[in-house]
Protein backbone atom coordinates (compact mmCIF):
# COMPACT_ATOMS: atom_id res chain seq x y z
CA MET A 1 4.88 215.26 21.10
CA SER A 2 2.10 214.27 18.68
CA GLU A 3 3.05 210.59 19.11
CA ARG A 4 2.53 210.91 22.85
CA LEU A 5 -0.86 212.55 22.33
CA ARG A 6 -1.84 209.78 19.92
CA ILE A 7 -0.94 207.15 22.53
CA GLU A 8 -2.88 208.99 25.23
CA LEU A 9 -5.87 209.26 22.91
CA GLU A 10 -5.75 205.52 22.21
CA GLU A 11 -5.52 204.78 25.94
CA SER A 12 -8.47 207.07 26.61
CA LYS A 13 -10.54 205.37 23.92
CA ALA A 14 -9.69 201.96 25.39
CA GLU A 15 -10.69 203.15 28.87
CA ILE A 16 -14.00 204.51 27.53
CA ALA A 17 -14.66 201.16 25.83
CA ARG A 18 -13.94 199.31 29.11
CA LEU A 19 -16.32 201.58 30.99
CA ARG A 20 -19.05 201.07 28.38
CA ASP A 21 -18.59 197.29 28.69
CA ARG A 22 -18.86 197.51 32.48
CA LEU A 23 -22.05 199.55 32.22
CA ALA A 24 -23.52 197.14 29.65
CA MET A 25 -22.88 194.23 32.05
CA GLY A 26 -24.56 196.14 34.88
CA MET A 27 -21.31 196.73 36.75
CA PRO A 28 -20.84 200.25 38.03
CA PRO A 29 -17.66 202.04 37.03
CA ILE A 30 -14.85 202.02 39.54
CA HIS A 31 -14.35 205.46 40.98
CA LYS A 32 -10.71 206.23 41.62
CA ASP A 33 -9.77 208.72 44.29
CA LEU A 34 -6.85 210.56 42.75
CA SER A 35 -6.89 213.19 45.48
CA LEU A 36 -4.79 210.76 47.53
CA ILE A 37 -1.77 211.72 45.44
CA SER A 38 -1.27 214.53 47.93
CA LEU A 39 -0.34 211.87 50.52
CA ILE A 40 2.62 210.75 48.42
CA PRO A 41 5.77 212.72 49.16
CA LYS A 42 7.94 213.95 46.33
CA TRP A 43 11.06 211.82 46.01
CA SER A 44 14.46 212.77 44.64
CA GLY A 45 16.63 209.74 45.26
CA GLU A 46 19.26 211.88 46.91
CA GLU A 47 21.04 210.59 50.00
CA ARG A 48 19.11 212.91 52.32
CA ALA A 49 15.75 211.91 50.80
CA ALA A 50 13.40 209.45 52.44
CA PRO A 51 14.19 205.81 51.64
CA LEU A 52 12.94 204.47 48.32
CA GLU A 53 10.91 201.75 50.05
CA GLU A 54 9.06 204.40 52.03
CA PHE A 55 8.23 206.25 48.81
CA LEU A 56 7.03 203.05 47.10
CA SER A 57 4.97 201.92 50.07
CA SER A 58 3.26 205.33 50.28
CA ILE A 59 2.24 204.92 46.65
CA GLU A 60 0.97 201.39 47.24
CA GLY A 61 -0.95 202.45 50.35
CA ALA A 62 -2.61 205.33 48.52
CA ALA A 63 -3.31 203.05 45.56
CA LYS A 64 -5.11 200.55 47.74
CA MET A 65 -7.26 203.24 49.37
CA GLY A 66 -7.92 205.07 46.11
CA ARG A 67 -8.57 201.95 43.99
CA TRP A 68 -5.76 202.81 41.59
CA SER A 69 -4.56 200.38 38.96
CA GLN A 70 -0.95 199.31 38.62
CA LYS A 71 -0.67 201.63 35.63
CA ASP A 72 -1.96 204.49 37.79
CA CYS A 73 0.79 203.74 40.30
CA VAL A 74 3.44 204.12 37.61
CA GLN A 75 1.97 207.34 36.28
CA LEU A 76 1.46 208.90 39.69
CA ALA A 77 4.93 207.86 40.89
CA THR A 78 6.47 209.67 37.94
CA LEU A 79 4.57 212.82 38.88
CA ARG A 80 6.20 212.79 42.32
CA LEU A 81 9.80 212.39 41.11
CA LEU A 82 12.40 215.13 41.52
CA ASP A 83 15.99 215.23 40.21
CA PRO A 84 18.05 212.97 40.15
CA ALA A 85 15.23 210.39 40.24
CA ARG A 86 13.41 212.36 37.52
CA ALA A 87 16.58 212.40 35.39
CA PHE A 88 16.90 208.62 35.79
CA TYR A 89 13.28 208.16 34.73
CA ASN A 90 13.65 210.47 31.74
CA ALA A 91 16.80 208.68 30.57
CA ASN A 92 15.34 205.18 30.96
CA LEU A 93 13.17 204.68 27.87
CA ASP A 94 11.99 201.25 29.06
CA LEU A 95 10.05 202.99 31.83
CA HIS A 96 8.18 205.08 29.24
CA ALA A 97 6.84 202.05 27.37
CA ALA A 98 3.09 201.55 27.43
CA GLU A 99 3.51 198.00 28.75
CA VAL A 100 5.67 198.96 31.75
CA THR A 101 4.35 197.34 34.92
CA TRP A 102 4.45 198.62 38.46
CA GLU A 103 6.73 195.72 39.40
CA SER A 104 9.22 196.52 36.61
CA PHE A 105 9.10 200.21 37.56
CA LYS A 106 9.92 199.37 41.18
CA ALA A 107 12.66 196.93 40.15
CA ALA A 108 14.35 199.56 37.95
CA PHE A 109 14.32 202.13 40.75
CA ARG A 110 15.49 199.60 43.34
CA GLU A 111 18.39 198.64 41.10
CA ARG A 112 19.40 202.22 40.36
CA PHE A 113 18.93 203.64 43.87
CA ARG A 114 20.07 200.67 45.91
CA ASP A 115 22.14 201.40 48.97
CA VAL A 116 25.78 200.90 48.05
CA ARG A 117 27.16 201.59 51.52
CA PRO A 118 28.73 198.55 53.17
CA ASP A 119 27.25 196.93 56.29
CA GLN A 120 30.21 198.34 58.22
CA PHE A 121 28.85 201.86 57.64
CA TYR A 122 25.56 201.01 59.37
CA PHE A 123 27.29 198.94 62.05
CA SER A 124 29.49 201.93 62.89
CA LYS A 125 26.45 204.24 62.98
CA LEU A 126 24.65 201.76 65.26
CA GLN A 127 27.67 201.48 67.56
CA THR A 128 27.99 205.23 67.90
CA ALA A 129 24.26 206.03 68.06
CA LYS A 130 23.29 208.48 70.77
CA GLN A 131 19.88 209.69 71.74
CA GLY A 132 19.25 213.16 70.36
CA LYS A 133 18.50 216.07 72.68
CA ASN A 134 14.85 216.33 71.58
CA GLU A 135 14.43 212.63 70.73
CA ASP A 136 12.26 210.55 73.05
CA PRO A 137 13.36 207.00 73.95
CA HIS A 138 10.87 205.37 71.56
CA GLU A 139 12.13 207.44 68.62
CA PHE A 140 15.72 206.57 69.52
CA ALA A 141 14.84 202.86 69.76
CA ASP A 142 13.10 203.04 66.36
CA ARG A 143 16.14 204.70 64.82
CA CYS A 144 18.46 202.06 66.31
CA ARG A 145 16.19 199.29 65.08
CA GLY A 146 16.32 200.73 61.56
CA LEU A 147 20.12 200.82 61.69
CA ALA A 148 20.20 197.24 62.98
CA GLN A 149 17.95 196.12 60.14
CA ASN A 150 20.32 197.75 57.67
CA VAL A 151 23.20 195.80 59.22
CA MET A 152 21.33 192.48 59.34
CA GLY A 153 19.20 192.99 56.26
CA ARG A 154 15.62 191.87 56.13
CA ASP A 155 16.66 188.29 56.33
CA SER A 156 14.27 185.46 55.60
CA ASP A 157 16.31 183.33 58.03
CA HIS A 158 13.95 182.54 60.92
CA ILE A 159 16.81 182.26 63.41
CA ALA A 160 18.08 185.74 62.52
CA GLN A 161 14.56 187.13 62.83
CA ARG A 162 14.13 185.49 66.23
CA ILE A 163 17.45 186.88 67.51
CA ASP A 164 16.50 190.31 66.21
CA GLY A 165 13.08 190.09 67.83
CA GLU A 166 14.46 188.92 71.17
CA PHE A 167 17.09 191.66 71.15
CA TRP A 168 14.42 194.32 70.66
CA GLY A 169 12.01 192.71 73.12
CA PHE A 170 9.56 191.24 70.62
CA THR A 171 9.48 187.54 71.35
CA ASN A 172 7.46 185.04 69.41
CA ASN A 173 7.08 181.80 71.31
CA ASP A 174 5.59 180.06 68.27
CA SER A 175 9.03 179.65 66.63
């Protein structure tokens, strides 16, 4: 525990030195809005949890609005983790290193919590999709589109994107 406090103290001293340098150069300090953490949902990594990409994009959106650094993203993401995602984080010592980047953090979580279900699973769900009793047509279409994207993947193939867009009624005549 004392090692962790020593590291935090060193980081705090470095941050104070950076702020003093900014003030000496006439640059105002950057004010971070950490209250935006309340916009980030807690994430467990369980099957019923929101998708990982949704969790990561909520962090990145809040970071952009709140002027957070990449290091802030890592620290705030860890605060929002629940088991089993928290257990994965705790067991992965590389993610606790001072030099861990937001990109390496995301890559580790994407690797660990990647969807292992085959395309056939999503294809079957798409084939058997029915509009829910209290689901409006737009919500149903969005849900079907999400299933179709899981089947097709987010392909960089322009032809696949065009077919997908035409199927869902979003044509791009520039292609």
